[in-house]
All heavy atoms as atom14 arrays in JSON, in Angstrom:
{
  "sequence": "GLIVEQPSKTQDVIHTSEMLFVNSNGKEMYDGNPQDD",
  "atom14_mask": [
    [1, 1, 1, 1, 0, 0, 0, 0, 0, 0, 0, 0, 0, 0],
    [1, 1, 1, 1, 1, 1, 1, 1, 0, 0, 0, 0, 0, 0],
    [1, 1, 1, 1, 1, 1, 1, 1, 0, 0, 0, 0, 0, 0],
    [1, 1, 1, 1, 1, 1, 1, 0, 0, 0, 0, 0, 0, 0],
    [1, 1, 1, 1, 1, 1, 1, 1, 1, 0, 0, 0, 0, 0],
    [1, 1, 1, 1, 1, 1, 1, 1, 1, 0, 0, 0, 0, 0],
    [1, 1, 1, 1, 1, 1, 1, 0, 0, 0, 0, 0, 0, 0],
    [1, 1, 1, 1, 1, 1, 0, 0, 0, 0, 0, 0, 0, 0],
    [1, 1, 1, 1, 1, 1, 1, 1, 1, 0, 0, 0, 0, 0],
    [1, 1, 1, 1, 1, 1, 1, 0, 0, 0, 0, 0, 0, 0],
    [1, 1, 1, 1, 1, 1, 1, 1, 1, 0, 0, 0, 0, 0],
    [1, 1, 1, 1, 1, 1, 1, 1, 0, 0, 0, 0, 0, 0],
    [1, 1, 1, 1, 1, 1, 1, 0, 0, 0, 0, 0, 0, 0],
    [1, 1, 1, 1, 1, 1, 1, 1, 0, 0, 0, 0, 0, 0],
    [1, 1, 1, 1, 1, 1, 1, 1, 1, 1, 0, 0, 0, 0],
    [1, 1, 1, 1, 1, 1, 1, 0, 0, 0, 0, 0, 0, 0],
    [1, 1, 1, 1, 1, 1, 0, 0, 0, 0, 0, 0, 0, 0],
    [1, 1, 1, 1, 1, 1, 1, 1, 1, 0, 0, 0, 0, 0],
    [1, 1, 1, 1, 1, 1, 1, 1, 0, 0, 0, 0, 0, 0],
    [1, 1, 1, 1, 1, 1, 1, 1, 0, 0, 0, 0, 0, 0],
    [1, 1, 1, 1, 1, 1, 1, 1, 1, 1, 1, 0, 0, 0],
    [1, 1, 1, 1, 1, 1, 1, 0, 0, 0, 0, 0, 0, 0],
    [1, 1, 1, 1, 1, 1, 1, 1, 0, 0, 0, 0, 0, 0],
    [1, 1, 1, 1, 1, 1, 0, 0, 0, 0, 0, 0, 0, 0],
    [1, 1, 1, 1, 1, 1, 1, 1, 0, 0, 0, 0, 0, 0],
    [1, 1, 1, 1, 0, 0, 0, 0, 0, 0, 0, 0, 0, 0],
    [1, 1, 1, 1, 1, 1, 1, 1, 1, 0, 0, 0, 0, 0],
    [1, 1, 1, 1, 1, 1, 1, 1, 1, 0, 0, 0, 0, 0],
    [1, 1, 1, 1, 1, 1, 1, 1, 0, 0, 0, 0, 0, 0],
    [1, 1, 1, 1, 1, 1, 1, 1, 1, 1, 1, 1, 0, 0],
    [1, 1, 1, 1, 1, 1, 1, 1, 0, 0, 0, 0, 0, 0],
    [1, 1, 1, 1, 0, 0, 0, 0, 0, 0, 0, 0, 0, 0],
    [1, 1, 1, 1, 1, 1, 1, 1, 0, 0, 0, 0, 0, 0],
    [1, 1, 1, 1, 1, 1, 1, 0, 0, 0, 0, 0, 0, 0],
    [1, 1, 1, 1, 1, 1, 1, 1, 1, 0, 0, 0, 0, 0],
    [1, 1, 1, 1, 1, 1, 1, 1, 0, 0, 0, 0, 0, 0],
    [1, 1, 1, 1, 1, 1, 1, 1, 0, 0, 0, 0, 0, 0]
  ],
  "atom14_positions": [
    [[-5.66, -10.4, 12.42], [-6.71, -10.36, 13.43], [-8.13, -10.33, 12.97], [-9.07, -9.77, 13.58], [0.0, 0.0, 0.0], [0.0, 0.0, 0.0], [0.0, 0.0, 0.0], [0.0, 0.0, 0.0], [0.0, 0.0, 0.0], [0.0, 0.0, 0.0], [0.0, 0.0, 0.0], [0.0, 0.0, 0.0], [0.0, 0.0, 0.0], [0.0, 0.0, 0.0]],
    [[-8.28, -11.02, 11.81], [-9.67, -11.15, 11.14], [-10.39, -12.3, 11.7], [-9.87, -13.44, 11.89], [-9.49, -11.3, 9.7], [-8.76, -10.25, 8.93], [-8.68, -10.62, 7.4], [-9.33, -8.79, 9.05], [0.0, 0.0, 0.0], [0.0, 0.0, 0.0], [0.0, 0.0, 0.0], [0.0, 0.0, 0.0], [0.0, 0.0, 0.0], [0.0, 0.0, 0.0]],
    [[-11.74, -12.11, 12.04], [-12.5, -13.18, 12.49], [-13.34, -13.64, 11.23], [-13.87, -12.94, 10.62], [-13.6, -12.72, 13.55], [-12.75, -12.24, 14.86], [-14.53, -13.77, 13.92], [-13.58, -11.53, 15.81], [0.0, 0.0, 0.0], [0.0, 0.0, 0.0], [0.0, 0.0, 0.0], [0.0, 0.0, 0.0], [0.0, 0.0, 0.0], [0.0, 0.0, 0.0]],
    [[-13.17, -14.9, 10.93], [-13.8, -15.45, 9.71], [-14.52, -16.75, 10.18], [-13.91, -17.72, 10.66], [-12.8, -15.83, 8.59], [-13.5, -16.37, 7.39], [-12.02, -14.53, 8.24], [0.0, 0.0, 0.0], [0.0, 0.0, 0.0], [0.0, 0.0, 0.0], [0.0, 0.0, 0.0], [0.0, 0.0, 0.0], [0.0, 0.0, 0.0], [0.0, 0.0, 0.0]],
    [[-15.82, -16.8, 9.88], [-16.61, -18.0, 10.24], [-17.48, -18.43, 9.0], [-18.16, -17.59, 8.42], [-17.56, -17.66, 11.43], [-16.8, -17.31, 12.66], [-17.79, -16.98, 13.83], [-19.1, -17.03, 13.6], [-17.38, -16.68, 14.9], [0.0, 0.0, 0.0], [0.0, 0.0, 0.0], [0.0, 0.0, 0.0], [0.0, 0.0, 0.0], [0.0, 0.0, 0.0]],
    [[-17.29, -19.61, 8.63], [-18.13, -20.19, 7.56], [-18.12, -21.8, 7.76], [-17.25, -22.48, 7.23], [-17.38, -19.85, 6.16], [-18.28, -20.31, 4.93], [-17.59, -20.0, 3.61], [-16.33, -19.7, 3.59], [-18.34, -19.92, 2.55], [0.0, 0.0, 0.0], [0.0, 0.0, 0.0], [0.0, 0.0, 0.0], [0.0, 0.0, 0.0], [0.0, 0.0, 0.0]],
    [[-19.16, -22.28, 8.44], [-19.24, -23.7, 8.66], [-19.28, -24.64, 7.47], [-18.72, -25.65, 7.51], [-20.59, -23.8, 9.49], [-20.76, -22.33, 10.01], [-20.22, -21.42, 9.01], [0.0, 0.0, 0.0], [0.0, 0.0, 0.0], [0.0, 0.0, 0.0], [0.0, 0.0, 0.0], [0.0, 0.0, 0.0], [0.0, 0.0, 0.0], [0.0, 0.0, 0.0]],
    [[-19.91, -24.05, 6.41], [-19.88, -24.93, 5.15], [-19.88, -24.02, 3.92], [-20.05, -22.86, 3.96], [-21.2, -25.83, 5.21], [-22.31, -25.05, 4.92], [0.0, 0.0, 0.0], [0.0, 0.0, 0.0], [0.0, 0.0, 0.0], [0.0, 0.0, 0.0], [0.0, 0.0, 0.0], [0.0, 0.0, 0.0], [0.0, 0.0, 0.0], [0.0, 0.0, 0.0]],
    [[-19.7, -24.68, 2.82], [-19.57, -24.02, 1.52], [-20.82, -23.27, 1.14], [-20.94, -22.22, 0.45], [-19.17, -24.93, 0.4], [-18.85, -24.3, -0.95], [-18.42, -25.35, -1.96], [-18.03, -24.68, -3.31], [-17.58, -25.72, -4.26], [0.0, 0.0, 0.0], [0.0, 0.0, 0.0], [0.0, 0.0, 0.0], [0.0, 0.0, 0.0], [0.0, 0.0, 0.0]],
    [[-21.99, -23.84, 1.56], [-23.34, -23.28, 1.2], [-23.8, -22.15, 2.15], [-24.83, -21.47, 1.88], [-24.35, -24.35, 1.26], [-24.46, -24.98, 2.55], [-24.02, -25.42, 0.21], [0.0, 0.0, 0.0], [0.0, 0.0, 0.0], [0.0, 0.0, 0.0], [0.0, 0.0, 0.0], [0.0, 0.0, 0.0], [0.0, 0.0, 0.0], [0.0, 0.0, 0.0]],
    [[-23.05, -21.98, 3.24], [-23.48, -20.8, 4.16], [-22.69, -19.56, 3.85], [-21.47, -19.56, 3.39], [-23.21, -21.32, 5.66], [-24.16, -22.46, 5.98], [-23.96, -22.87, 7.43], [-23.04, -23.6, 7.64], [-24.88, -22.5, 8.36], [0.0, 0.0, 0.0], [0.0, 0.0, 0.0], [0.0, 0.0, 0.0], [0.0, 0.0, 0.0], [0.0, 0.0, 0.0]],
    [[-23.24, -18.42, 4.3], [-22.5, -17.11, 4.14], [-21.34, -17.02, 5.06], [-21.31, -17.6, 6.12], [-23.51, -16.0, 4.51], [-24.59, -15.81, 3.4], [-24.47, -16.33, 2.37], [-25.7, -15.34, 3.79], [0.0, 0.0, 0.0], [0.0, 0.0, 0.0], [0.0, 0.0, 0.0], [0.0, 0.0, 0.0], [0.0, 0.0, 0.0], [0.0, 0.0, 0.0]],
    [[-20.26, -16.34, 4.54], [-19.15, -16.06, 5.39], [-19.44, -14.91, 6.3], [-19.95, -13.8, 5.92], [-17.98, -15.7, 4.53], [-16.72, -15.41, 5.36], [-17.72, -16.77, 3.49], [0.0, 0.0, 0.0], [0.0, 0.0, 0.0], [0.0, 0.0, 0.0], [0.0, 0.0, 0.0], [0.0, 0.0, 0.0], [0.0, 0.0, 0.0], [0.0, 0.0, 0.0]],
    [[-19.18, -15.06, 7.58], [-19.3, -13.97, 8.57], [-17.83, -13.61, 8.87], [-17.05, -14.36, 9.38], [-20.01, -14.47, 9.81], [-21.43, -14.98, 9.51], [-20.05, -13.33, 10.91], [-22.16, -15.55, 10.66], [0.0, 0.0, 0.0], [0.0, 0.0, 0.0], [0.0, 0.0, 0.0], [0.0, 0.0, 0.0], [0.0, 0.0, 0.0], [0.0, 0.0, 0.0]],
    [[-17.5, -12.32, 8.54], [-16.11, -11.99, 8.78], [-16.01, -10.5, 9.11], [-16.85, -9.71, 8.94], [-15.32, -12.19, 7.43], [-15.73, -11.34, 6.35], [-15.24, -10.08, 5.98], [-16.72, -11.58, 5.32], [-15.76, -9.57, 4.99], [-16.7, -10.39, 4.46], [0.0, 0.0, 0.0], [0.0, 0.0, 0.0], [0.0, 0.0, 0.0], [0.0, 0.0, 0.0]],
    [[-14.77, -10.2, 9.71], [-14.5, -8.84, 9.99], [-14.32, -8.11, 8.7], [-13.75, -8.56, 7.74], [-13.1, -8.78, 10.72], [-13.16, -9.74, 11.85], [-12.79, -7.3, 11.3], [0.0, 0.0, 0.0], [0.0, 0.0, 0.0], [0.0, 0.0, 0.0], [0.0, 0.0, 0.0], [0.0, 0.0, 0.0], [0.0, 0.0, 0.0], [0.0, 0.0, 0.0]],
    [[-14.79, -6.79, 8.73], [-14.74, -6.03, 7.48], [-13.79, -4.74, 7.7], [-14.04, -3.76, 7.02], [-16.15, -5.5, 7.1], [-17.01, -6.59, 6.72], [0.0, 0.0, 0.0], [0.0, 0.0, 0.0], [0.0, 0.0, 0.0], [0.0, 0.0, 0.0], [0.0, 0.0, 0.0], [0.0, 0.0, 0.0], [0.0, 0.0, 0.0], [0.0, 0.0, 0.0]],
    [[-12.84, -4.87, 8.56], [-12.03, -3.77, 8.88], [-11.16, -3.32, 7.72], [-10.41, -4.16, 7.12], [-11.08, -4.11, 10.11], [-10.24, -2.93, 10.53], [-9.42, -3.27, 11.76], [-9.03, -4.45, 11.84], [-9.16, -2.38, 12.57], [0.0, 0.0, 0.0], [0.0, 0.0, 0.0], [0.0, 0.0, 0.0], [0.0, 0.0, 0.0], [0.0, 0.0, 0.0]],
    [[-11.19, -2.03, 7.38], [-10.43, -1.46, 6.35], [-9.27, -0.81, 6.92], [-9.3, 0.01, 7.86], [-11.27, -0.44, 5.5], [-10.54, 0.26, 4.38], [-11.53, 1.39, 3.46], [-12.62, 0.34, 2.57], [0.0, 0.0, 0.0], [0.0, 0.0, 0.0], [0.0, 0.0, 0.0], [0.0, 0.0, 0.0], [0.0, 0.0, 0.0], [0.0, 0.0, 0.0]],
    [[-8.01, -1.15, 6.41], [-6.79, -0.54, 6.95], [-6.26, 0.43, 5.96], [-6.22, 0.18, 4.78], [-5.73, -1.6, 7.2], [-6.06, -2.72, 8.29], [-4.93, -3.73, 8.43], [-6.33, -1.99, 9.67], [0.0, 0.0, 0.0], [0.0, 0.0, 0.0], [0.0, 0.0, 0.0], [0.0, 0.0, 0.0], [0.0, 0.0, 0.0], [0.0, 0.0, 0.0]],
    [[-5.74, 1.62, 6.49], [-5.04, 2.56, 5.59], [-3.65, 2.59, 6.0], [-3.21, 2.87, 7.2], [-5.7, 3.91, 5.94], [-7.22, 4.03, 5.46], [-8.16, 3.72, 6.27], [-7.44, 4.48, 4.13], [-9.52, 3.8, 5.96], [-8.82, 4.61, 3.77], [-9.83, 4.26, 4.62], [0.0, 0.0, 0.0], [0.0, 0.0, 0.0], [0.0, 0.0, 0.0]],
    [[-2.74, 2.31, 5.07], [-1.31, 2.24, 5.3], [-0.61, 3.39, 4.52], [-0.85, 3.54, 3.36], [-0.76, 0.86, 4.89], [0.75, 0.77, 5.12], [-1.48, -0.2, 5.55], [0.0, 0.0, 0.0], [0.0, 0.0, 0.0], [0.0, 0.0, 0.0], [0.0, 0.0, 0.0], [0.0, 0.0, 0.0], [0.0, 0.0, 0.0], [0.0, 0.0, 0.0]],
    [[0.26, 4.11, 5.12], [0.93, 5.2, 4.47], [2.14, 4.71, 3.63], [2.44, 3.61, 3.55], [1.37, 6.43, 5.38], [2.51, 5.95, 6.42], [3.19, 4.93, 6.15], [2.63, 6.68, 7.44], [0.0, 0.0, 0.0], [0.0, 0.0, 0.0], [0.0, 0.0, 0.0], [0.0, 0.0, 0.0], [0.0, 0.0, 0.0], [0.0, 0.0, 0.0]],
    [[2.78, 5.62, 2.88], [3.87, 5.22, 1.95], [5.11, 4.79, 2.72], [6.06, 4.28, 2.08], [4.11, 6.43, 1.02], [4.61, 7.56, 1.77], [0.0, 0.0, 0.0], [0.0, 0.0, 0.0], [0.0, 0.0, 0.0], [0.0, 0.0, 0.0], [0.0, 0.0, 0.0], [0.0, 0.0, 0.0], [0.0, 0.0, 0.0], [0.0, 0.0, 0.0]],
    [[5.14, 5.0, 4.01], [6.24, 4.48, 4.88], [5.93, 3.08, 5.41], [6.76, 2.53, 6.17], [6.52, 5.45, 5.92], [6.96, 6.87, 5.45], [7.78, 6.93, 4.58], [6.42, 7.92, 6.05], [0.0, 0.0, 0.0], [0.0, 0.0, 0.0], [0.0, 0.0, 0.0], [0.0, 0.0, 0.0], [0.0, 0.0, 0.0], [0.0, 0.0, 0.0]],
    [[4.81, 2.57, 4.93], [4.51, 1.2, 5.39], [3.92, 1.11, 6.81], [3.97, 0.05, 7.43], [0.0, 0.0, 0.0], [0.0, 0.0, 0.0], [0.0, 0.0, 0.0], [0.0, 0.0, 0.0], [0.0, 0.0, 0.0], [0.0, 0.0, 0.0], [0.0, 0.0, 0.0], [0.0, 0.0, 0.0], [0.0, 0.0, 0.0], [0.0, 0.0, 0.0]],
    [[3.33, 2.16, 7.32], [2.75, 2.14, 8.64], [1.16, 2.28, 8.57], [0.7, 3.11, 7.82], [3.29, 3.38, 9.51], [4.85, 3.32, 9.63], [5.31, 2.18, 10.56], [6.74, 2.2, 10.8], [7.27, 1.11, 11.6], [0.0, 0.0, 0.0], [0.0, 0.0, 0.0], [0.0, 0.0, 0.0], [0.0, 0.0, 0.0], [0.0, 0.0, 0.0]],
    [[0.57, 1.47, 9.39], [-0.93, 1.57, 9.55], [-1.23, 2.96, 10.2], [-0.63, 3.28, 11.14], [-1.53, 0.51, 10.31], [-1.33, -0.91, 9.72], [-1.89, -1.99, 10.66], [-2.67, -1.69, 11.54], [-1.55, -3.14, 10.4], [0.0, 0.0, 0.0], [0.0, 0.0, 0.0], [0.0, 0.0, 0.0], [0.0, 0.0, 0.0], [0.0, 0.0, 0.0]],
    [[-2.16, 3.7, 9.53], [-2.5, 4.95, 10.11], [-3.86, 5.13, 10.53], [-4.2, 5.78, 11.58], [-2.22, 6.16, 9.03], [-0.75, 6.21, 8.61], [0.32, 6.79, 9.92], [-0.22, 8.4, 10.11], [0.0, 0.0, 0.0], [0.0, 0.0, 0.0], [0.0, 0.0, 0.0], [0.0, 0.0, 0.0], [0.0, 0.0, 0.0], [0.0, 0.0, 0.0]],
    [[-4.81, 4.54, 9.85], [-6.26, 4.59, 10.12], [-6.92, 3.28, 9.97], [-6.48, 2.43, 9.08], [-6.98, 5.67, 9.33], [-6.42, 7.03, 9.48], [-5.39, 7.53, 8.72], [-6.84, 7.92, 10.47], [-4.86, 8.8, 8.88], [-6.34, 9.21, 10.65], [-5.35, 9.57, 9.81], [-4.83, 10.83, 9.99], [0.0, 0.0, 0.0], [0.0, 0.0, 0.0]],
    [[-8.06, 3.01, 10.63], [-8.87, 1.87, 10.24], [-10.33, 2.11, 10.48], [-10.73, 3.13, 11.13], [-8.47, 0.62, 11.09], [-8.41, 0.89, 12.57], [-9.52, 1.57, 13.06], [-7.56, 0.41, 13.29], [0.0, 0.0, 0.0], [0.0, 0.0, 0.0], [0.0, 0.0, 0.0], [0.0, 0.0, 0.0], [0.0, 0.0, 0.0], [0.0, 0.0, 0.0]],
    [[-11.21, 1.33, 9.89], [-12.63, 1.52, 10.01], [-13.39, 0.39, 9.43], [-12.76, -0.47, 8.84], [0.0, 0.0, 0.0], [0.0, 0.0, 0.0], [0.0, 0.0, 0.0], [0.0, 0.0, 0.0], [0.0, 0.0, 0.0], [0.0, 0.0, 0.0], [0.0, 0.0, 0.0], [0.0, 0.0, 0.0], [0.0, 0.0, 0.0], [0.0, 0.0, 0.0]],
    [[-14.63, 0.27, 9.77], [-15.49, -0.86, 9.29], [-16.6, -0.37, 8.35], [-17.54, 0.18, 8.82], [-16.03, -1.6, 10.52], [-15.09, -2.4, 11.27], [-14.66, -3.35, 10.8], [-14.66, -1.89, 12.49], [0.0, 0.0, 0.0], [0.0, 0.0, 0.0], [0.0, 0.0, 0.0], [0.0, 0.0, 0.0], [0.0, 0.0, 0.0], [0.0, 0.0, 0.0]],
    [[-16.38, -0.55, 7.09], [-17.47, -0.17, 6.11], [-18.77, -0.76, 6.43], [-18.88, -1.88, 6.92], [-16.89, -0.61, 4.8], [-15.39, -0.64, 5.03], [-15.24, -1.07, 6.45], [0.0, 0.0, 0.0], [0.0, 0.0, 0.0], [0.0, 0.0, 0.0], [0.0, 0.0, 0.0], [0.0, 0.0, 0.0], [0.0, 0.0, 0.0], [0.0, 0.0, 0.0]],
    [[-19.87, -0.08, 6.11], [-21.2, -0.6, 6.52], [-21.99, -1.09, 5.32], [-21.76, -0.81, 4.2], [-22.0, 0.65, 7.09], [-21.3, 1.32, 8.26], [-21.62, 2.75, 8.44], [-22.54, 3.27, 7.73], [-20.89, 3.45, 9.25], [0.0, 0.0, 0.0], [0.0, 0.0, 0.0], [0.0, 0.0, 0.0], [0.0, 0.0, 0.0], [0.0, 0.0, 0.0]],
    [[-22.87, -2.03, 5.71], [-23.78, -2.7, 4.67], [-24.9, -1.77, 4.42], [-26.11, -2.03, 4.73], [-24.16, -4.02, 5.23], [-25.08, -4.78, 4.28], [-25.17, -4.44, 3.08], [-25.71, -5.82, 4.69], [0.0, 0.0, 0.0], [0.0, 0.0, 0.0], [0.0, 0.0, 0.0], [0.0, 0.0, 0.0], [0.0, 0.0, 0.0], [0.0, 0.0, 0.0]],
    [[-24.56, -0.62, 3.85], [-25.64, 0.41, 3.6], [-25.3, 1.24, 2.45], [-24.33, 2.03, 2.48], [-25.78, 1.25, 4.86], [-26.94, 2.3, 4.81], [-27.53, 2.35, 3.74], [-27.11, 3.08, 5.73], [0.0, 0.0, 0.0], [0.0, 0.0, 0.0], [0.0, 0.0, 0.0], [0.0, 0.0, 0.0], [0.0, 0.0, 0.0], [0.0, 0.0, 0.0]]
  ]
}
């Protein structure tokens, strides 16, 4: 479910930055979006 946009090689990639946390049973448990800060 990632949104990735990059019209050309010289342009920056605009993309989803969602971080997924998966437990040892293989289940997603938490998610969040790290900040550019």
